[in-house]
C-alpha cells in the first residue's frame, strides 16, 4: 500500500483509467485536481488537455486567480492566454 498525499483520489483513479483506455473526462469540477495531479506525475498530455480546457472557459473575473494557479504549475501557455 502506498499513500500519495498530494493527489486527489478521484484524479488518481482517472489517471489509472487513462493508462488503460487512453481517455480522461475533464470537467469544471475536476480540472484543478487533474491539472495538479498531472503536474505531480509529469503527465504532459493530460496537463496540456487541462490547460486547453481552462483556456476555453477563461473569464475576466477568474483571470488573476487562474494566472497565479497557472504560474504555480508552470503552465506557460495558460499564463499567456490569461494575460
C-alpha atoms as a PDB file:
ATOM      1  CA  UNK A   1       0.000   0.000   0.000  1.00  0.00           C
ATOM      2  CA  UNK A   2       1.317   3.405  -0.994  1.00  0.00           C
ATOM      3  CA  UNK A   3      -0.063   6.679   0.335  1.00  0.00           C
ATOM      4  CA  UNK A   4       0.049   9.628  -2.049  1.00  0.00           C
ATOM      5  CA  UNK A   5      -0.979  12.716  -0.117  1.00  0.00           C
ATOM      6  CA  UNK A   6      -0.636  15.343  -2.835  1.00  0.00           C
ATOM      7  CA  UNK A   7      -3.071  13.859  -5.374  1.00  0.00           C
ATOM      8  CA  UNK A   8      -6.856  13.757  -5.209  1.00  0.00           C
ATOM      9  CA  UNK A   9      -8.179  10.177  -5.102  1.00  0.00           C
ATOM     10  CA  UNK A  10     -10.634  10.774  -7.953  1.00  0.00           C
ATOM     11  CA  UNK A  11      -7.881  12.271 -10.111  1.00  0.00           C
ATOM     12  CA  UNK A  12      -5.653   9.287  -9.378  1.00  0.00           C
ATOM     13  CA  UNK A  13      -8.444   6.934 -10.437  1.00  0.00           C
ATOM     14  CA  UNK A  14      -8.827   8.894 -13.689  1.00  0.00           C
ATOM     15  CA  UNK A  15      -5.055   8.627 -14.330  1.00  0.00           C
ATOM     16  CA  UNK A  16      -5.156   4.869 -13.841  1.00  0.00           C
ATOM     17  CA  UNK A  17      -8.130   4.527 -16.186  1.00  0.00           C
ATOM     18  CA  UNK A  18      -6.340   6.785 -18.695  1.00  0.00           C
ATOM     19  CA  UNK A  19      -3.345   4.475 -18.661  1.00  0.00           C
ATOM     20  CA  UNK A  20      -5.604   1.599 -19.710  1.00  0.00           C
ATOM     21  CA  UNK A  21      -8.014   3.196 -22.163  1.00  0.00           C
ATOM     22  CA  UNK A  22      -6.383   6.496 -23.194  1.00  0.00           C
ATOM     23  CA  UNK A  23      -9.454   8.512 -22.208  1.00  0.00           C
ATOM     24  CA  UNK A  24      -9.991  11.055 -19.453  1.00  0.00           C
ATOM     25  CA  UNK A  25     -13.005  13.178 -18.600  1.00  0.00           C
ATOM     26  CA  UNK A  26     -12.216  16.785 -17.739  1.00  0.00           C
ATOM     27  CA  UNK A  27     -14.980  18.814 -16.114  1.00  0.00           C
ATOM     28  CA  UNK A  28     -15.263  22.116 -14.297  1.00  0.00           C
ATOM     29  CA  UNK A  29     -15.357  20.142 -11.051  1.00  0.00           C
ATOM     30  CA  UNK A  30     -12.204  18.078 -11.600  1.00  0.00           C
ATOM     31  CA  UNK A  31      -9.938  20.181 -13.843  1.00  0.00           C
ATOM     32  CA  UNK A  32      -7.989  21.704 -10.962  1.00  0.00           C
ATOM     33  CA  UNK A  33      -7.216  18.379  -9.263  1.00  0.00           C
ATOM     34  CA  UNK A  34      -6.431  16.734 -12.619  1.00  0.00           C
ATOM     35  CA  UNK A  35      -4.040  19.537 -13.534  1.00  0.00           C
ATOM     36  CA  UNK A  36      -2.298  19.375 -10.165  1.00  0.00           C
ATOM     37  CA  UNK A  37      -2.035  15.585 -10.369  1.00  0.00           C
ATOM     38  CA  UNK A  38      -0.830  15.648 -13.968  1.00  0.00           C
ATOM     39  CA  UNK A  39       1.840  18.119 -12.947  1.00  0.00           C
ATOM     40  CA  UNK A  40       2.826  15.924  -9.975  1.00  0.00           C
ATOM     41  CA  UNK A  41       3.126  12.766 -12.110  1.00  0.00           C
ATOM     42  CA  UNK A  42       4.557  14.572 -15.180  1.00  0.00           C
ATOM     43  CA  UNK A  43       1.642  13.519 -17.388  1.00  0.00           C
ATOM     44  CA  UNK A  44       2.219  16.070 -20.124  1.00  0.00           C
ATOM     45  CA  UNK A  45      -0.722  15.154 -22.376  1.00  0.00           C
ATOM     46  CA  UNK A  46      -3.219  15.454 -19.516  1.00  0.00           C
ATOM     47  CA  UNK A  47      -1.633  18.693 -18.345  1.00  0.00           C
ATOM     48  CA  UNK A  48      -1.951  20.177 -21.834  1.00  0.00           C
ATOM     49  CA  UNK A  49      -5.567  18.985 -22.116  1.00  0.00           C
ATOM     50  CA  UNK A  50      -6.437  20.587 -18.764  1.00  0.00           C
ATOM     51  CA  UNK A  51      -4.814  23.874 -19.797  1.00  0.00           C
ATOM     52  CA  UNK A  52      -6.741  23.864 -23.077  1.00  0.00           C
ATOM     53  CA  UNK A  53      -9.947  23.170 -21.168  1.00  0.00           C
ATOM     54  CA  UNK A  54      -9.276  26.161 -18.904  1.00  0.00           C
ATOM     55  CA  UNK A  55      -8.349  28.428 -21.822  1.00  0.00           C
ATOM     56  CA  UNK A  56     -11.710  27.773 -23.459  1.00  0.00           C
ATOM     57  CA  UNK A  57     -13.531  28.709 -20.253  1.00  0.00           C
ATOM     58  CA  UNK A  58     -11.443  31.741 -19.333  1.00  0.00           C
ATOM     59  CA  UNK A  59     -13.464  34.571 -17.804  1.00  0.00           C
ATOM     60  CA  UNK A  60     -12.271  38.032 -16.803  1.00  0.00           C
ATOM     61  CA  UNK A  61     -13.415  37.594 -13.201  1.00  0.00           C
ATOM     62  CA  UNK A  62     -11.244  34.457 -12.840  1.00  0.00           C
ATOM     63  CA  UNK A  63      -8.141  35.867 -14.537  1.00  0.00           C
ATOM     64  CA  UNK A  64      -5.995  36.761 -11.513  1.00  0.00           C
ATOM     65  CA  UNK A  65      -6.673  33.530  -9.652  1.00  0.00           C
ATOM     66  CA  UNK A  66      -6.163  31.432 -12.770  1.00  0.00           C
ATOM     67  CA  UNK A  67      -2.939  33.234 -13.638  1.00  0.00           C
ATOM     68  CA  UNK A  68      -1.480  32.547 -10.178  1.00  0.00           C
ATOM     69  CA  UNK A  69      -2.542  28.892 -10.405  1.00  0.00           C
ATOM     70  CA  UNK A  70      -1.069  28.532 -13.911  1.00  0.00           C
ATOM     71  CA  UNK A  71       2.203  30.152 -12.853  1.00  0.00           C
ATOM     72  CA  UNK A  72       2.465  27.817  -9.848  1.00  0.00           C
ATOM     73  CA  UNK A  73       2.109  24.773 -12.127  1.00  0.00           C
ATOM     74  CA  UNK A  74       4.325  26.243 -14.879  1.00  0.00           C
ATOM     75  CA  UNK A  75       1.558  26.246 -17.491  1.00  0.00           C
ATOM     76  CA  UNK A  76       3.153  28.895 -19.695  1.00  0.00           C
ATOM     77  CA  UNK A  77       0.567  28.794 -22.497  1.00  0.00           C
ATOM     78  CA  UNK A  78      -2.238  29.256 -19.987  1.00  0.00           C
ATOM     79  CA  UNK A  79      -0.427  32.221 -18.402  1.00  0.00           C
ATOM     80  CA  UNK A  80      -0.083  33.787 -21.842  1.00  0.00           C
ATOM     81  CA  UNK A  81      -3.777  33.224 -22.557  1.00  0.00           C
ATOM     82  CA  UNK A  82      -4.731  34.870 -19.276  1.00  0.00           C
ATOM     83  CA  UNK A  83      -2.511  37.863 -19.992  1.00  0.00           C
END
